[in-house]
């Protein structure tokens, strides 16, 4: 099946990320460095960076434990050690009662990954190619 160039018309692709406590999740992502702003009832836009180089997702005031704890997000970064220093400095486990972030390690599939869990149990892979 051909898309007749439809991909070139896409300007963003965003996941809807659940939150168990919407306000707490907004604080969590703000601490990580995202700009979080409400865009509607129970929806916030979380953005990292500015302009065409920005990355974002939609945080929703919606929670199903099985879904949240099985959702994984990946952020591919150019300097994982710098990101880890930032993450470690935030004391996320103590501040937000989340599972303590795990430091970078090289996984069998060849990428270095640091793991961060958000307040709903969503697992973030902060990743760099080895």
C-alpha atoms as a PDB file:
ATOM      1  CA  UNK A   1       0.000   0.000   0.000  1.00  0.00           C
ATOM      2  CA  UNK A   2       1.332   3.422  -0.888  1.00  0.00           C
ATOM      3  CA  UNK A   3       0.858   6.514   1.242  1.00  0.00           C
ATOM      4  CA  UNK A   4       1.312   8.899  -1.695  1.00  0.00           C
ATOM      5  CA  UNK A   5       3.697  11.127   0.251  1.00  0.00           C
ATOM      6  CA  UNK A   6       1.498  11.468   3.331  1.00  0.00           C
ATOM      7  CA  UNK A   7       4.525  11.104   5.636  1.00  0.00           C
ATOM      8  CA  UNK A   8       5.812  14.456   4.435  1.00  0.00           C
ATOM      9  CA  UNK A   9       2.639  16.100   5.775  1.00  0.00           C
ATOM     10  CA  UNK A  10       3.174  14.869   9.357  1.00  0.00           C
ATOM     11  CA  UNK A  11       4.341  17.617  11.699  1.00  0.00           C
ATOM     12  CA  UNK A  12       4.323  15.666  14.989  1.00  0.00           C
ATOM     13  CA  UNK A  13       3.693  12.217  16.420  1.00  0.00           C
ATOM     14  CA  UNK A  14       2.896  12.103  20.119  1.00  0.00           C
ATOM     15  CA  UNK A  15       2.092   9.353  22.574  1.00  0.00           C
ATOM     16  CA  UNK A  16      -0.564   9.811  25.262  1.00  0.00           C
ATOM     17  CA  UNK A  17       1.168   9.017  28.563  1.00  0.00           C
ATOM     18  CA  UNK A  18      -1.024   8.134  31.553  1.00  0.00           C
ATOM     19  CA  UNK A  19      -0.783   9.666  35.001  1.00  0.00           C
ATOM     20  CA  UNK A  20      -1.970   8.283  38.310  1.00  0.00           C
ATOM     21  CA  UNK A  21      -1.839  11.729  39.952  1.00  0.00           C
ATOM     22  CA  UNK A  22      -2.029  14.317  37.171  1.00  0.00           C
ATOM     23  CA  UNK A  23      -0.573  17.214  39.220  1.00  0.00           C
ATOM     24  CA  UNK A  24       2.294  15.108  40.560  1.00  0.00           C
ATOM     25  CA  UNK A  25       3.160  13.834  37.084  1.00  0.00           C
ATOM     26  CA  UNK A  26       3.252  17.401  35.796  1.00  0.00           C
ATOM     27  CA  UNK A  27       5.701  18.309  38.580  1.00  0.00           C
ATOM     28  CA  UNK A  28       7.786  15.200  37.828  1.00  0.00           C
ATOM     29  CA  UNK A  29       8.160  16.003  34.134  1.00  0.00           C
ATOM     30  CA  UNK A  30       8.855  19.666  34.884  1.00  0.00           C
ATOM     31  CA  UNK A  31      11.665  18.546  37.220  1.00  0.00           C
ATOM     32  CA  UNK A  32      13.109  16.417  34.408  1.00  0.00           C
ATOM     33  CA  UNK A  33      13.246  19.500  32.189  1.00  0.00           C
ATOM     34  CA  UNK A  34      10.049  19.352  30.159  1.00  0.00           C
ATOM     35  CA  UNK A  35       7.889  22.433  29.679  1.00  0.00           C
ATOM     36  CA  UNK A  36       4.452  21.253  30.762  1.00  0.00           C
ATOM     37  CA  UNK A  37       1.369  23.264  29.892  1.00  0.00           C
ATOM     38  CA  UNK A  38      -2.320  22.400  30.033  1.00  0.00           C
ATOM     39  CA  UNK A  39      -4.050  22.131  26.661  1.00  0.00           C
ATOM     40  CA  UNK A  40      -7.480  20.951  27.767  1.00  0.00           C
ATOM     41  CA  UNK A  41      -9.375  19.207  30.517  1.00  0.00           C
ATOM     42  CA  UNK A  42      -7.090  16.460  31.803  1.00  0.00           C
ATOM     43  CA  UNK A  43      -4.467  16.876  29.066  1.00  0.00           C
ATOM     44  CA  UNK A  44      -1.083  18.598  29.249  1.00  0.00           C
ATOM     45  CA  UNK A  45       1.523  19.033  26.547  1.00  0.00           C
ATOM     46  CA  UNK A  46       5.019  18.105  27.775  1.00  0.00           C
ATOM     47  CA  UNK A  47       7.779  19.414  25.542  1.00  0.00           C
ATOM     48  CA  UNK A  48      11.540  19.165  25.616  1.00  0.00           C
ATOM     49  CA  UNK A  49      13.323  21.777  23.520  1.00  0.00           C
ATOM     50  CA  UNK A  50      12.051  24.504  21.233  1.00  0.00           C
ATOM     51  CA  UNK A  51      10.909  24.893  17.662  1.00  0.00           C
ATOM     52  CA  UNK A  52      11.364  22.254  14.988  1.00  0.00           C
ATOM     53  CA  UNK A  53      13.859  20.365  17.178  1.00  0.00           C
ATOM     54  CA  UNK A  54      11.402  19.939  20.060  1.00  0.00           C
ATOM     55  CA  UNK A  55      10.186  16.570  21.304  1.00  0.00           C
ATOM     56  CA  UNK A  56       6.902  16.110  23.110  1.00  0.00           C
ATOM     57  CA  UNK A  57       4.139  13.878  24.380  1.00  0.00           C
ATOM     58  CA  UNK A  58       0.671  14.391  25.814  1.00  0.00           C
ATOM     59  CA  UNK A  59       0.240  13.711  29.520  1.00  0.00           C
ATOM     60  CA  UNK A  60      -3.272  12.594  30.323  1.00  0.00           C
ATOM     61  CA  UNK A  61      -5.277  12.477  33.527  1.00  0.00           C
ATOM     62  CA  UNK A  62      -6.048   8.816  32.933  1.00  0.00           C
ATOM     63  CA  UNK A  63      -4.740   5.741  34.699  1.00  0.00           C
ATOM     64  CA  UNK A  64      -5.013   2.006  34.199  1.00  0.00           C
ATOM     65  CA  UNK A  65      -2.333   0.263  36.241  1.00  0.00           C
ATOM     66  CA  UNK A  66      -1.726  -2.544  33.748  1.00  0.00           C
ATOM     67  CA  UNK A  67      -1.336  -0.092  30.883  1.00  0.00           C
ATOM     68  CA  UNK A  68       0.857   2.406  32.751  1.00  0.00           C
ATOM     69  CA  UNK A  69       3.192  -0.254  34.111  1.00  0.00           C
ATOM     70  CA  UNK A  70       3.621  -1.791  30.650  1.00  0.00           C
ATOM     71  CA  UNK A  71       4.199   1.456  28.758  1.00  0.00           C
ATOM     72  CA  UNK A  72       7.784   2.250  27.826  1.00  0.00           C
ATOM     73  CA  UNK A  73       9.071   5.428  26.224  1.00  0.00           C
ATOM     74  CA  UNK A  74      12.504   5.859  24.665  1.00  0.00           C
ATOM     75  CA  UNK A  75      14.546   9.046  24.453  1.00  0.00           C
ATOM     76  CA  UNK A  76      17.619   8.676  22.263  1.00  0.00           C
ATOM     77  CA  UNK A  77      20.274  11.165  23.413  1.00  0.00           C
ATOM     78  CA  UNK A  78      23.731  12.172  22.243  1.00  0.00           C
ATOM     79  CA  UNK A  79      25.254  12.450  25.744  1.00  0.00           C
ATOM     80  CA  UNK A  80      23.858   9.841  28.109  1.00  0.00           C
ATOM     81  CA  UNK A  81      26.389  10.603  30.843  1.00  0.00           C
ATOM     82  CA  UNK A  82      25.273  14.243  30.953  1.00  0.00           C
ATOM     83  CA  UNK A  83      21.641  13.138  31.135  1.00  0.00           C
ATOM     84  CA  UNK A  84      22.467  10.693  33.928  1.00  0.00           C
ATOM     85  CA  UNK A  85      24.162  13.448  35.955  1.00  0.00           C
ATOM     86  CA  UNK A  86      20.996  15.529  35.574  1.00  0.00           C
ATOM     87  CA  UNK A  87      18.661  12.651  36.488  1.00  0.00           C
ATOM     88  CA  UNK A  88      20.769  11.620  39.475  1.00  0.00           C
ATOM     89  CA  UNK A  89      20.851  15.199  40.793  1.00  0.00           C
ATOM     90  CA  UNK A  90      17.047  15.306  40.929  1.00  0.00           C
ATOM     91  CA  UNK A  91      16.701  12.578  43.599  1.00  0.00           C
ATOM     92  CA  UNK A  92      13.513  11.435  41.858  1.00  0.00           C
ATOM     93  CA  UNK A  93      13.029   8.422  44.113  1.00  0.00           C
ATOM     94  CA  UNK A  94      13.006  10.554  47.230  1.00  0.00           C
ATOM     95  CA  UNK A  95      11.100  13.520  45.784  1.00  0.00           C
ATOM     96  CA  UNK A  96       8.374  11.608  43.990  1.00  0.00           C
ATOM     97  CA  UNK A  97       8.334   8.174  45.620  1.00  0.00           C
ATOM     98  CA  UNK A  98       9.134   6.470  42.317  1.00  0.00           C
ATOM     99  CA  UNK A  99      11.412   3.514  41.722  1.00  0.00           C
ATOM    100  CA  UNK A 100      14.953   4.863  41.898  1.00  0.00           C
ATOM    101  CA  UNK A 101      16.404   5.535  38.436  1.00  0.00           C
ATOM    102  CA  UNK A 102      18.945   2.976  37.282  1.00  0.00           C
ATOM    103  CA  UNK A 103      22.331   4.169  35.968  1.00  0.00           C
ATOM    104  CA  UNK A 104      23.409   3.617  32.384  1.00  0.00           C
ATOM    105  CA  UNK A 105      24.460   0.146  31.361  1.00  0.00           C
ATOM    106  CA  UNK A 106      25.084  -1.467  28.014  1.00  0.00           C
ATOM    107  CA  UNK A 107      22.264  -3.826  27.135  1.00  0.00           C
ATOM    108  CA  UNK A 108      22.665  -7.006  25.051  1.00  0.00           C
ATOM    109  CA  UNK A 109      21.057  -5.266  22.064  1.00  0.00           C
ATOM    110  CA  UNK A 110      23.989  -2.815  21.959  1.00  0.00           C
ATOM    111  CA  UNK A 111      22.618   0.388  23.454  1.00  0.00           C
ATOM    112  CA  UNK A 112      23.519   2.081  26.720  1.00  0.00           C
ATOM    113  CA  UNK A 113      20.357   2.705  28.711  1.00  0.00           C
ATOM    114  CA  UNK A 114      19.468   4.529  31.914  1.00  0.00           C
ATOM    115  CA  UNK A 115      16.042   3.684  33.306  1.00  0.00           C
ATOM    116  CA  UNK A 116      13.616   6.186  34.844  1.00  0.00           C
ATOM    117  CA  UNK A 117      10.126   5.386  36.181  1.00  0.00           C
ATOM    118  CA  UNK A 118       7.501   8.090  36.407  1.00  0.00           C
ATOM    119  CA  UNK A 119       4.876   8.363  39.191  1.00  0.00           C
ATOM    120  CA  UNK A 120       2.389   6.196  37.239  1.00  0.00           C
ATOM    121  CA  UNK A 121       4.950   3.447  36.617  1.00  0.00           C
ATOM    122  CA  UNK A 122       5.774   4.350  32.999  1.00  0.00           C
ATOM    123  CA  UNK A 123       9.324   3.220  32.217  1.00  0.00           C
ATOM    124  CA  UNK A 124      11.523   5.667  30.296  1.00  0.00           C
ATOM    125  CA  UNK A 125      14.609   4.399  28.500  1.00  0.00           C
ATOM    126  CA  UNK A 126      17.137   7.230  28.248  1.00  0.00           C
ATOM    127  CA  UNK A 127      19.281   5.697  25.555  1.00  0.00           C
ATOM    128  CA  UNK A 128      22.485   6.223  23.585  1.00  0.00           C
ATOM    129  CA  UNK A 129      24.020   4.052  20.925  1.00  0.00           C
ATOM    130  CA  UNK A 130      27.253   2.461  22.121  1.00  0.00           C
END
